[in-house]
PDB file of N, CA and C in Angstrom:
ATOM      1  N   UNK A   1       0.912  -1.071   0.016  1.00  0.00           N
ATOM      2  CA  UNK A   1      -0.008  -0.076   0.089  1.00  0.00           C
ATOM      3  C   UNK A   1       0.806   1.176   0.114  1.00  0.00           C
ATOM      4  N   UNK A   2       0.284   2.424  -0.083  1.00  0.00           N
ATOM      5  CA  UNK A   2       0.912   3.664  -0.094  1.00  0.00           C
ATOM      6  C   UNK A   2       1.238   4.160   1.176  1.00  0.00           C
ATOM      7  N   UNK A   3       2.312   4.661   1.288  1.00  0.00           N
ATOM      8  CA  UNK A   3       2.753   5.355   2.746  1.00  0.00           C
ATOM      9  C   UNK A   3       3.575   6.400   2.391  1.00  0.00           C
ATOM     10  N   UNK A   4       3.484   7.539   3.285  1.00  0.00           N
ATOM     11  CA  UNK A   4       4.496   8.733   2.963  1.00  0.00           C
ATOM     12  C   UNK A   4       5.827   8.196   3.084  1.00  0.00           C
ATOM     13  N   UNK A   5       6.811   8.828   2.440  1.00  0.00           N
ATOM     14  CA  UNK A   5       8.326   8.677   2.617  1.00  0.00           C
ATOM     15  C   UNK A   5       8.656   9.520   3.737  1.00  0.00           C
ATOM     16  N   UNK A   6       9.236   8.858   4.692  1.00  0.00           N
ATOM     17  CA  UNK A   6       9.801   9.717   5.924  1.00  0.00           C
ATOM     18  C   UNK A   6      10.893  10.428   5.347  1.00  0.00           C
ATOM     19  N   UNK A   7      11.408  11.372   6.078  1.00  0.00           N
ATOM     20  CA  UNK A   7      12.614  12.032   5.752  1.00  0.00           C
ATOM     21  C   UNK A   7      13.660  11.095   5.833  1.00  0.00           C
ATOM     22  N   UNK A   8      14.653  11.164   5.071  1.00  0.00           N
ATOM     23  CA  UNK A   8      16.084  10.209   4.968  1.00  0.00           C
ATOM     24  C   UNK A   8      17.151  11.198   5.097  1.00  0.00           C
ATOM     25  N   UNK A   9      18.086  10.689   5.920  1.00  0.00           N
ATOM     26  CA  UNK A   9      19.299  11.484   6.085  1.00  0.00           C
ATOM     27  C   UNK A   9      20.522  10.546   5.239  1.00  0.00           C
ATOM     28  N   UNK A  10      21.393  11.105   5.356  1.00  0.00           N
ATOM     29  CA  UNK A  10      22.671  10.109   4.882  1.00  0.00           C
ATOM     30  C   UNK A  10      23.567  11.159   4.097  1.00  0.00           C
ATOM     31  N   UNK A  11      22.873  11.761   3.117  1.00  0.00           N
ATOM     32  CA  UNK A  11      23.815  12.522   2.275  1.00  0.00           C
ATOM     33  C   UNK A  11      24.241  14.058   3.119  1.00  0.00           C
ATOM     34  N   UNK A  12      25.503  14.192   2.650  1.00  0.00           N
ATOM     35  CA  UNK A  12      25.804  15.769   3.153  1.00  0.00           C
ATOM     36  C   UNK A  12      25.573  16.560   1.917  1.00  0.00           C
ATOM     37  N   UNK A  13      24.729  17.584   2.208  1.00  0.00           N
ATOM     38  CA  UNK A  13      24.267  18.451   1.106  1.00  0.00           C
ATOM     39  C   UNK A  13      22.957  17.982   0.555  1.00  0.00           C
ATOM     40  N   UNK A  14      22.558  18.493  -0.394  1.00  0.00           N
ATOM     41  CA  UNK A  14      21.189  18.102  -0.982  1.00  0.00           C
ATOM     42  C   UNK A  14      21.236  16.796  -1.830  1.00  0.00           C
ATOM     43  N   UNK A  15      19.934  16.357  -1.873  1.00  0.00           N
ATOM     44  CA  UNK A  15      19.665  15.349  -2.818  1.00  0.00           C
ATOM     45  C   UNK A  15      19.190  15.759  -4.022  1.00  0.00           C
ATOM     46  N   UNK A  16      20.007  15.250  -5.076  1.00  0.00           N
ATOM     47  CA  UNK A  16      19.795  15.830  -6.385  1.00  0.00           C
ATOM     48  C   UNK A  16      19.165  14.874  -7.618  1.00  0.00           C
ATOM     49  N   UNK A  17      18.980  13.601  -7.308  1.00  0.00           N
ATOM     50  CA  UNK A  17      18.292  12.811  -8.026  1.00  0.00           C
ATOM     51  C   UNK A  17      17.822  11.509  -7.209  1.00  0.00           C
ATOM     52  N   UNK A  18      16.698  11.052  -7.808  1.00  0.00           N
ATOM     53  CA  UNK A  18      15.972   9.912  -7.255  1.00  0.00           C
ATOM     54  C   UNK A  18      15.588   8.850  -8.314  1.00  0.00           C
ATOM     55  N   UNK A  19      15.562   7.551  -7.915  1.00  0.00           N
ATOM     56  CA  UNK A  19      14.975   6.570  -8.893  1.00  0.00           C
ATOM     57  C   UNK A  19      14.548   5.347  -8.026  1.00  0.00           C
ATOM     58  N   UNK A  20      13.425   4.654  -8.467  1.00  0.00           N
ATOM     59  CA  UNK A  20      13.043   3.636  -7.757  1.00  0.00           C
ATOM     60  C   UNK A  20      13.294   2.367  -8.601  1.00  0.00           C
ATOM     61  N   UNK A  21      13.739   1.318  -8.150  1.00  0.00           N
ATOM     62  CA  UNK A  21      13.941   0.034  -9.089  1.00  0.00           C
ATOM     63  C   UNK A  21      12.635  -0.738  -9.001  1.00  0.00           C
ATOM     64  N   UNK A  22      12.481  -1.726  -9.912  1.00  0.00           N
ATOM     65  CA  UNK A  22      11.336  -2.630 -10.065  1.00  0.00           C
ATOM     66  C   UNK A  22      10.879  -3.114  -8.527  1.00  0.00           C
ATOM     67  N   UNK A  23      11.877  -3.622  -7.818  1.00  0.00           N
ATOM     68  CA  UNK A  23      11.580  -4.009  -6.342  1.00  0.00           C
ATOM     69  C   UNK A  23      11.249  -3.136  -5.195  1.00  0.00           C
ATOM     70  N   UNK A  24      11.301  -1.835  -5.599  1.00  0.00           N
ATOM     71  CA  UNK A  24      10.936  -0.769  -4.689  1.00  0.00           C
ATOM     72  C   UNK A  24      12.080  -0.187  -4.034  1.00  0.00           C
ATOM     73  N   UNK A  25      13.414  -0.679  -4.323  1.00  0.00           N
ATOM     74  CA  UNK A  25      14.647  -0.060  -3.859  1.00  0.00           C
ATOM     75  C   UNK A  25      14.774   1.353  -4.260  1.00  0.00           C
ATOM     76  N   UNK A  26      14.822   2.378  -3.536  1.00  0.00           N
ATOM     77  CA  UNK A  26      15.077   3.906  -3.707  1.00  0.00           C
ATOM     78  C   UNK A  26      16.723   4.022  -3.899  1.00  0.00           C
ATOM     79  N   UNK A  27      17.046   4.565  -4.769  1.00  0.00           N
ATOM     80  CA  UNK A  27      18.261   5.229  -5.086  1.00  0.00           C
ATOM     81  C   UNK A  27      18.323   6.770  -4.985  1.00  0.00           C
ATOM     82  N   UNK A  28      19.196   7.350  -4.096  1.00  0.00           N
ATOM     83  CA  UNK A  28      19.276   8.781  -4.105  1.00  0.00           C
ATOM     84  C   UNK A  28      20.638   9.234  -4.439  1.00  0.00           C
ATOM     85  N   UNK A  29      20.771  10.207  -5.149  1.00  0.00           N
ATOM     86  CA  UNK A  29      22.201  10.841  -5.713  1.00  0.00           C
ATOM     87  C   UNK A  29      22.185  12.118  -4.929  1.00  0.00           C
ATOM     88  N   UNK A  30      23.484  12.654  -4.801  1.00  0.00           N
ATOM     89  CA  UNK A  30      23.538  13.758  -3.986  1.00  0.00           C
ATOM     90  C   UNK A  30      24.534  14.614  -4.521  1.00  0.00           C
ATOM     91  N   UNK A  31      24.591  15.820  -3.762  1.00  0.00           N
ATOM     92  CA  UNK A  31      25.696  16.917  -3.838  1.00  0.00           C
ATOM     93  C   UNK A  31      27.006  16.280  -3.400  1.00  0.00           C
ATOM     94  N   UNK A  32      27.018  15.136  -2.412  1.00  0.00           N
ATOM     95  CA  UNK A  32      28.180  14.684  -2.015  1.00  0.00           C
ATOM     96  C   UNK A  32      28.978  13.800  -2.738  1.00  0.00           C
ATOM     97  N   UNK A  33      28.361  13.671  -4.102  1.00  0.00           N
ATOM     98  CA  UNK A  33      29.131  12.831  -5.059  1.00  0.00           C
ATOM     99  C   UNK A  33      28.760  11.301  -4.783  1.00  0.00           C
ATOM    100  N   UNK A  34      27.892  10.766  -3.812  1.00  0.00           N
ATOM    101  CA  UNK A  34      27.443   9.458  -3.760  1.00  0.00           C
ATOM    102  C   UNK A  34      26.202   9.133  -3.996  1.00  0.00           C
ATOM    103  N   UNK A  35      25.816   8.064  -4.206  1.00  0.00           N
ATOM    104  CA  UNK A  35      24.678   7.251  -4.491  1.00  0.00           C
ATOM    105  C   UNK A  35      24.231   6.386  -3.155  1.00  0.00           C
ATOM    106  N   UNK A  36      23.068   6.573  -2.821  1.00  0.00           N
ATOM    107  CA  UNK A  36      22.686   5.639  -1.493  1.00  0.00           C
ATOM    108  C   UNK A  36      21.513   4.938  -2.011  1.00  0.00           C
ATOM    109  N   UNK A  37      21.534   3.588  -1.744  1.00  0.00           N
ATOM    110  CA  UNK A  37      20.473   2.827  -1.761  1.00  0.00           C
ATOM    111  C   UNK A  37      19.549   2.391  -0.489  1.00  0.00           C
ATOM    112  N   UNK A  38      18.220   2.576  -0.685  1.00  0.00           N
ATOM    113  CA  UNK A  38      17.462   2.351   0.508  1.00  0.00           C
ATOM    114  C   UNK A  38      16.693   1.502   0.384  1.00  0.00           C
ATOM    115  N   UNK A  39      16.605   0.439   1.522  1.00  0.00           N
ATOM    116  CA  UNK A  39      15.812  -0.803   1.436  1.00  0.00           C
ATOM    117  C   UNK A  39      14.318  -0.463   1.554  1.00  0.00           C
ATOM    118  N   UNK A  40      13.514  -1.112   0.746  1.00  0.00           N
ATOM    119  CA  UNK A  40      12.041  -0.756   0.640  1.00  0.00           C
ATOM    120  C   UNK A  40      11.326  -0.988   1.775  1.00  0.00           C
ATOM    121  N   UNK A  41      11.647  -2.076   2.583  1.00  0.00           N
ATOM    122  CA  UNK A  41      10.753  -2.622   3.770  1.00  0.00           C
ATOM    123  C   UNK A  41      11.311  -1.848   4.907  1.00  0.00           C
ATOM    124  N   UNK A  42      12.431  -1.762   5.119  1.00  0.00           N
ATOM    125  CA  UNK A  42      13.119  -1.579   6.479  1.00  0.00           C
ATOM    126  C   UNK A  42      13.348   0.048   6.614  1.00  0.00           C
ATOM    127  N   UNK A  43      13.048   0.794   5.351  1.00  0.00           N
ATOM    128  CA  UNK A  43      13.301   2.128   5.455  1.00  0.00           C
ATOM    129  C   UNK A  43      14.689   2.674   5.942  1.00  0.00           C
ATOM    130  N   UNK A  44      15.531   1.912   5.658  1.00  0.00           N
ATOM    131  CA  UNK A  44      16.958   2.362   5.938  1.00  0.00           C
ATOM    132  C   UNK A  44      17.952   2.234   4.967  1.00  0.00           C
ATOM    133  N   UNK A  45      19.054   2.879   5.071  1.00  0.00           N
ATOM    134  CA  UNK A  45      20.220   2.984   4.003  1.00  0.00           C
ATOM    135  C   UNK A  45      20.849   1.508   3.825  1.00  0.00           C
ATOM    136  N   UNK A  46      20.827   1.070   2.760  1.00  0.00           N
ATOM    137  CA  UNK A  46      21.635  -0.291   2.718  1.00  0.00           C
ATOM    138  C   UNK A  46      22.852  -0.361   1.995  1.00  0.00           C
ATOM    139  N   UNK A  47      23.257   0.815   1.190  1.00  0.00           N
ATOM    140  CA  UNK A  47      24.417   0.796   0.767  1.00  0.00           C
ATOM    141  C   UNK A  47      24.924   2.066   0.136  1.00  0.00           C
ATOM    142  N   UNK A  48      26.301   2.421  -0.135  1.00  0.00           N
ATOM    143  CA  UNK A  48      26.570   3.637  -0.544  1.00  0.00           C
ATOM    144  C   UNK A  48      27.467   3.391  -1.703  1.00  0.00           C
ATOM    145  N   UNK A  49      27.191   3.918  -2.806  1.00  0.00           N
ATOM    146  CA  UNK A  49      27.947   3.722  -3.976  1.00  0.00           C
ATOM    147  C   UNK A  49      29.075   5.093  -4.307  1.00  0.00           C
ATOM    148  N   UNK A  50      30.217   4.820  -4.343  1.00  0.00           N
ATOM    149  CA  UNK A  50      31.094   5.869  -4.447  1.00  0.00           C
ATOM    150  C   UNK A  50      31.964   5.690  -5.712  1.00  0.00           C
ATOM    151  N   UNK A  51      32.309   6.928  -6.259  1.00  0.00           N
ATOM    152  CA  UNK A  51      33.077   6.813  -7.406  1.00  0.00           C
ATOM    153  C   UNK A  51      33.043   8.062  -8.364  1.00  0.00           C
ATOM    154  N   UNK A  52      31.945   8.673  -8.220  1.00  0.00           N
ATOM    155  CA  UNK A  52      31.730  10.090  -8.880  1.00  0.00           C
ATOM    156  C   UNK A  52      32.494  11.037  -8.236  1.00  0.00           C
ATOM    157  N   UNK A  53      33.061  12.121  -8.977  1.00  0.00           N
ATOM    158  CA  UNK A  53      33.492  13.375  -8.444  1.00  0.00           C
ATOM    159  C   UNK A  53      32.747  14.601  -8.654  1.00  0.00           C
ATOM    160  N   UNK A  54      31.661  14.297  -8.783  1.00  0.00           N
ATOM    161  CA  UNK A  54      30.665  15.686  -9.124  1.00  0.00           C
ATOM    162  C   UNK A  54      29.445  15.251  -8.329  1.00  0.00           C
ATOM    163  N   UNK A  55      28.379  16.179  -8.500  1.00  0.00           N
ATOM    164  CA  UNK A  55      27.131  16.170  -8.071  1.00  0.00           C
ATOM    165  C   UNK A  55      26.469  14.824  -9.003  1.00  0.00           C
ATOM    166  N   UNK A  56      25.651  14.252  -8.380  1.00  0.00           N
ATOM    167  CA  UNK A  56      24.839  13.253  -9.190  1.00  0.00           C
ATOM    168  C   UNK A  56      23.620  13.910  -9.840  1.00  0.00           C
ATOM    169  N   UNK A  57      23.406  13.895 -10.987  1.00  0.00           N
ATOM    170  CA  UNK A  57      22.362  14.743 -11.720  1.00  0.00           C
ATOM    171  C   UNK A  57      21.326  13.871 -12.256  1.00  0.00           C
ATOM    172  N   UNK A  58      21.421  12.723 -12.552  1.00  0.00           N
ATOM    173  CA  UNK A  58      20.420  11.722 -12.912  1.00  0.00           C
ATOM    174  C   UNK A  58      20.664  10.323 -12.573  1.00  0.00           C
ATOM    175  N   UNK A  59      19.501   9.661 -12.230  1.00  0.00           N
ATOM    176  CA  UNK A  59      19.520   8.008 -11.854  1.00  0.00           C
ATOM    177  C   UNK A  59      18.529   7.357 -12.667  1.00  0.00           C
ATOM    178  N   UNK A  60      18.768   6.096 -13.180  1.00  0.00           N
ATOM    179  CA  UNK A  60      17.753   5.392 -13.791  1.00  0.00           C
ATOM    180  C   UNK A  60      18.016   3.929 -13.706  1.00  0.00           C
ATOM    181  N   UNK A  61      17.027   3.148 -13.169  1.00  0.00           N
ATOM    182  CA  UNK A  61      17.253   1.698 -13.003  1.00  0.00           C
ATOM    183  C   UNK A  61      16.676   1.015 -14.387  1.00  0.00           C
ATOM    184  N   UNK A  62      17.447  -0.017 -14.886  1.00  0.00           N
ATOM    185  CA  UNK A  62      17.100  -0.982 -16.006  1.00  0.00           C
ATOM    186  C   UNK A  62      15.671  -1.615 -15.488  1.00  0.00           C
ATOM    187  N   UNK A  63      14.996  -2.141 -16.582  1.00  0.00           N
ATOM    188  CA  UNK A  63      13.775  -2.607 -16.250  1.00  0.00           C
ATOM    189  C   UNK A  63      13.827  -3.783 -15.379  1.00  0.00           C
ATOM    190  N   UNK A  64      14.951  -4.642 -15.728  1.00  0.00           N
ATOM    191  CA  UNK A  64      15.143  -5.967 -14.772  1.00  0.00           C
ATOM    192  C   UNK A  64      15.474  -5.579 -13.375  1.00  0.00           C
ATOM    193  N   UNK A  65      15.949  -4.209 -13.086  1.00  0.00           N
ATOM    194  CA  UNK A  65      16.298  -3.918 -11.715  1.00  0.00           C
ATOM    195  C   UNK A  65      17.630  -4.075 -11.268  1.00  0.00           C
ATOM    196  N   UNK A  66      18.427  -4.947 -11.790  1.00  0.00           N
ATOM    197  CA  UNK A  66      19.803  -5.362 -11.420  1.00  0.00           C
ATOM    198  C   UNK A  66      20.930  -4.426 -12.240  1.00  0.00           C
ATOM    199  N   UNK A  67      20.728  -3.264 -12.494  1.00  0.00           N
ATOM    200  CA  UNK A  67      21.609  -2.353 -12.889  1.00  0.00           C
ATOM    201  C   UNK A  67      21.101  -0.854 -12.813  1.00  0.00           C
ATOM    202  N   UNK A  68      21.861   0.004 -12.450  1.00  0.00           N
ATOM    203  CA  UNK A  68      21.538   1.430 -12.175  1.00  0.00           C
ATOM    204  C   UNK A  68      22.552   2.154 -13.082  1.00  0.00           C
ATOM    205  N   UNK A  69      21.944   3.100 -13.682  1.00  0.00           N
ATOM    206  CA  UNK A  69      22.816   4.131 -14.497  1.00  0.00           C
ATOM    207  C   UNK A  69      22.816   5.375 -13.844  1.00  0.00           C
ATOM    208  N   UNK A  70      24.086   6.085 -13.552  1.00  0.00           N
ATOM    209  CA  UNK A  70      24.087   7.337 -13.035  1.00  0.00           C
ATOM    210  C   UNK A  70      24.780   8.340 -13.839  1.00  0.00           C
ATOM    211  N   UNK A  71      24.266   9.625 -13.916  1.00  0.00           N
ATOM    212  CA  UNK A  71      25.129  10.690 -14.661  1.00  0.00           C
ATOM    213  C   UNK A  71      25.431  11.659 -13.604  1.00  0.00           C
ATOM    214  N   UNK A  72      26.603  12.310 -13.773  1.00  0.00           N
ATOM    215  CA  UNK A  72      27.191  13.188 -12.795  1.00  0.00           C
ATOM    216  C   UNK A  72      27.697  14.404 -13.381  1.00  0.00           C
ATOM    217  N   UNK A  73      27.796  15.495 -12.687  1.00  0.00           N
ATOM    218  CA  UNK A  73      28.380  16.836 -13.212  1.00  0.00           C
ATOM    219  C   UNK A  73      29.922  16.588 -13.388  1.00  0.00           C
ATOM    220  N   UNK A  74      30.556  15.585 -13.001  1.00  0.00           N
ATOM    221  CA  UNK A  74      31.866  15.279 -13.317  1.00  0.00           C
ATOM    222  C   UNK A  74      32.020  14.857 -14.888  1.00  0.00           C
ATOM    223  N   UNK A  75      30.936  14.786 -15.566  1.00  0.00           N
ATOM    224  CA  UNK A  75      31.125  14.433 -17.105  1.00  0.00           C
ATOM    225  C   UNK A  75      31.038  13.007 -17.435  1.00  0.00           C
ATOM    226  N   UNK A  76      30.672  12.076 -16.389  1.00  0.00           N
ATOM    227  CA  UNK A  76      30.836  10.782 -16.670  1.00  0.00           C
ATOM    228  C   UNK A  76      29.387   9.987 -16.524  1.00  0.00           C
ATOM    229  N   UNK A  77      29.136   8.906 -17.077  1.00  0.00           N
ATOM    230  CA  UNK A  77      27.981   8.116 -16.673  1.00  0.00           C
ATOM    231  C   UNK A  77      28.574   6.731 -16.283  1.00  0.00           C
ATOM    232  N   UNK A  78      28.123   6.162 -15.225  1.00  0.00           N
ATOM    233  CA  UNK A  78      28.363   4.839 -14.648  1.00  0.00           C
ATOM    234  C   UNK A  78      27.306   4.003 -14.710  1.00  0.00           C
ATOM    235  N   UNK A  79      27.667   2.713 -14.755  1.00  0.00           N
ATOM    236  CA  UNK A  79      26.721   1.542 -14.660  1.00  0.00           C
ATOM    237  C   UNK A  79      27.024   0.771 -13.380  1.00  0.00           C
ATOM    238  N   UNK A  80      26.176   0.676 -12.476  1.00  0.00           N
ATOM    239  CA  UNK A  80      26.195  -0.163 -11.362  1.00  0.00           C
ATOM    240  C   UNK A  80      25.354  -1.415 -11.399  1.00  0.00           C
ATOM    241  N   UNK A  81      25.906  -2.555 -11.263  1.00  0.00           N
ATOM    242  CA  UNK A  81      25.364  -3.650 -11.620  1.00  0.00           C
ATOM    243  C   UNK A  81      25.180  -4.669 -10.424  1.00  0.00           C
ATOM    244  N   UNK A  82      24.177  -5.631 -10.366  1.00  0.00           N
ATOM    245  CA  UNK A  82      24.052  -6.542  -9.284  1.00  0.00           C
ATOM    246  C   UNK A  82      23.454  -5.726  -7.961  1.00  0.00           C
ATOM    247  N   UNK A  83      22.379  -5.042  -8.123  1.00  0.00           N
ATOM    248  CA  UNK A  83      22.020  -4.252  -6.991  1.00  0.00           C
ATOM    249  C   UNK A  83      20.914  -4.987  -6.216  1.00  0.00           C
ATOM    250  N   UNK A  84      20.519  -6.175  -6.306  1.00  0.00           N
ATOM    251  CA  UNK A  84      19.683  -7.080  -5.468  1.00  0.00           C
ATOM    252  C   UNK A  84      20.300  -6.865  -3.948  1.00  0.00           C
ATOM    253  N   UNK A  85      19.390  -6.963  -2.898  1.00  0.00           N
ATOM    254  CA  UNK A  85      20.045  -7.027  -1.694  1.00  0.00           C
ATOM    255  C   UNK A  85      20.981  -8.009  -1.267  1.00  0.00           C
ATOM    256  N   UNK A  86      20.564  -9.279  -1.968  1.00  0.00           N
ATOM    257  CA  UNK A  86      21.681 -10.345  -1.744  1.00  0.00           C
ATOM    258  C   UNK A  86      22.853 -10.080  -2.454  1.00  0.00           C
ATOM    259  N   UNK A  87      22.889  -9.416  -3.612  1.00  0.00           N
ATOM    260  CA  UNK A  87      24.140  -9.325  -4.215  1.00  0.00           C
ATOM    261  C   UNK A  87      25.066  -8.104  -3.577  1.00  0.00           C
ATOM    262  N   UNK A  88      24.088  -7.284  -3.013  1.00  0.00           N
ATOM    263  CA  UNK A  88      24.814  -6.200  -2.328  1.00  0.00           C
ATOM    264  C   UNK A  88      25.430  -6.802  -1.008  1.00  0.00           C
ATOM    265  N   UNK A  89      24.786  -7.635  -0.325  1.00  0.00           N
ATOM    266  CA  UNK A  89      25.432  -8.355   0.885  1.00  0.00           C
ATOM    267  C   UNK A  89      26.655  -9.164   0.461  1.00  0.00           C
ATOM    268  N   UNK A  90      26.612  -9.653  -0.902  1.00  0.00           N
ATOM    269  CA  UNK A  90      27.813 -10.707  -1.155  1.00  0.00           C
ATOM    270  C   UNK A  90      28.865  -9.677  -1.633  1.00  0.00           C
ATOM    271  N   UNK A  91      28.637  -8.633  -2.311  1.00  0.00           N
ATOM    272  CA  UNK A  91      29.599  -7.621  -2.670  1.00  0.00           C
ATOM    273  C   UNK A  91      30.161  -7.066  -1.318  1.00  0.00           C
ATOM    274  N   UNK A  92      29.453  -6.516  -0.662  1.00  0.00           N
ATOM    275  CA  UNK A  92      29.795  -6.113   0.729  1.00  0.00           C
ATOM    276  C   UNK A  92      30.882  -7.002   1.323  1.00  0.00           C
ATOM    277  N   UNK A  93      30.498  -8.293   1.523  1.00  0.00           N
ATOM    278  CA  UNK A  93      31.642  -9.216   1.959  1.00  0.00           C
ATOM    279  C   UNK A  93      32.904  -9.176   1.222  1.00  0.00           C
ATOM    280  N   UNK A  94      32.865  -8.911  -0.051  1.00  0.00           N
ATOM    281  CA  UNK A  94      33.977  -9.013  -0.765  1.00  0.00           C
ATOM    282  C   UNK A  94      34.608  -7.681  -0.820  1.00  0.00           C
ATOM    283  N   UNK A  95      34.011  -6.559  -0.254  1.00  0.00           N
ATOM    284  CA  UNK A  95      34.719  -5.443  -0.060  1.00  0.00           C
ATOM    285  C   UNK A  95      34.307  -4.255  -1.394  1.00  0.00           C
ATOM    286  N   UNK A  96      33.350  -4.682  -1.899  1.00  0.00           N
ATOM    287  CA  UNK A  96      33.115  -4.018  -3.188  1.00  0.00           C
ATOM    288  C   UNK A  96      32.219  -2.780  -2.903  1.00  0.00           C
ATOM    289  N   UNK A  97      31.157  -2.974  -2.036  1.00  0.00           N
ATOM    290  CA  UNK A  97      30.368  -1.856  -1.714  1.00  0.00           C
ATOM    291  C   UNK A  97      30.557  -1.559  -0.337  1.00  0.00           C
ATOM    292  N   UNK A  98      30.698  -0.464   0.117  1.00  0.00           N
ATOM    293  CA  UNK A  98      30.865   0.137   1.489  1.00  0.00           C
ATOM    294  C   UNK A  98      29.748   0.283   2.098  1.00  0.00           C
ATOM    295  N   UNK A  99      29.383  -0.204   3.281  1.00  0.00           N
ATOM    296  CA  UNK A  99      28.101   0.103   3.914  1.00  0.00           C
ATOM    297  C   UNK A  99      28.287   1.228   4.740  1.00  0.00           C
ATOM    298  N   UNK A 100      27.340   1.858   5.082  1.00  0.00           N
ATOM    299  CA  UNK A 100      27.390   3.254   6.072  1.00  0.00           C
ATOM    300  C   UNK A 100      27.912   2.765   7.235  1.00  0.00           C
ATOM    301  N   UNK A 101      28.722   3.651   7.995  1.00  0.00           N
ATOM    302  CA  UNK A 101      29.259   3.465   9.213  1.00  0.00           C
ATOM    303  C   UNK A 101      28.302   3.806  10.269  1.00  0.00           C
TER     304      UNK A 101
END
């Protein structure tokens, strides 16, 4: 069902882009050059994607949901793959994705 989005913290500076994946995961991009993934049920930050050196300007998930495209003021586009929570946790164990402290 529908429910209001509670205010989310995490980014330093403003949020400049938002996108929902097919499974309800919310990706937020910010002025802090990071992309943050939010768990749809737990309403908590699940992962931080780093690598851009400028504001995140746009975000879009692929239809199948396991790839996210980001565009940044740094002039680059990045493709982030394997974004299911099981895969994030596997990547986290391998040191690929940094979890928030």
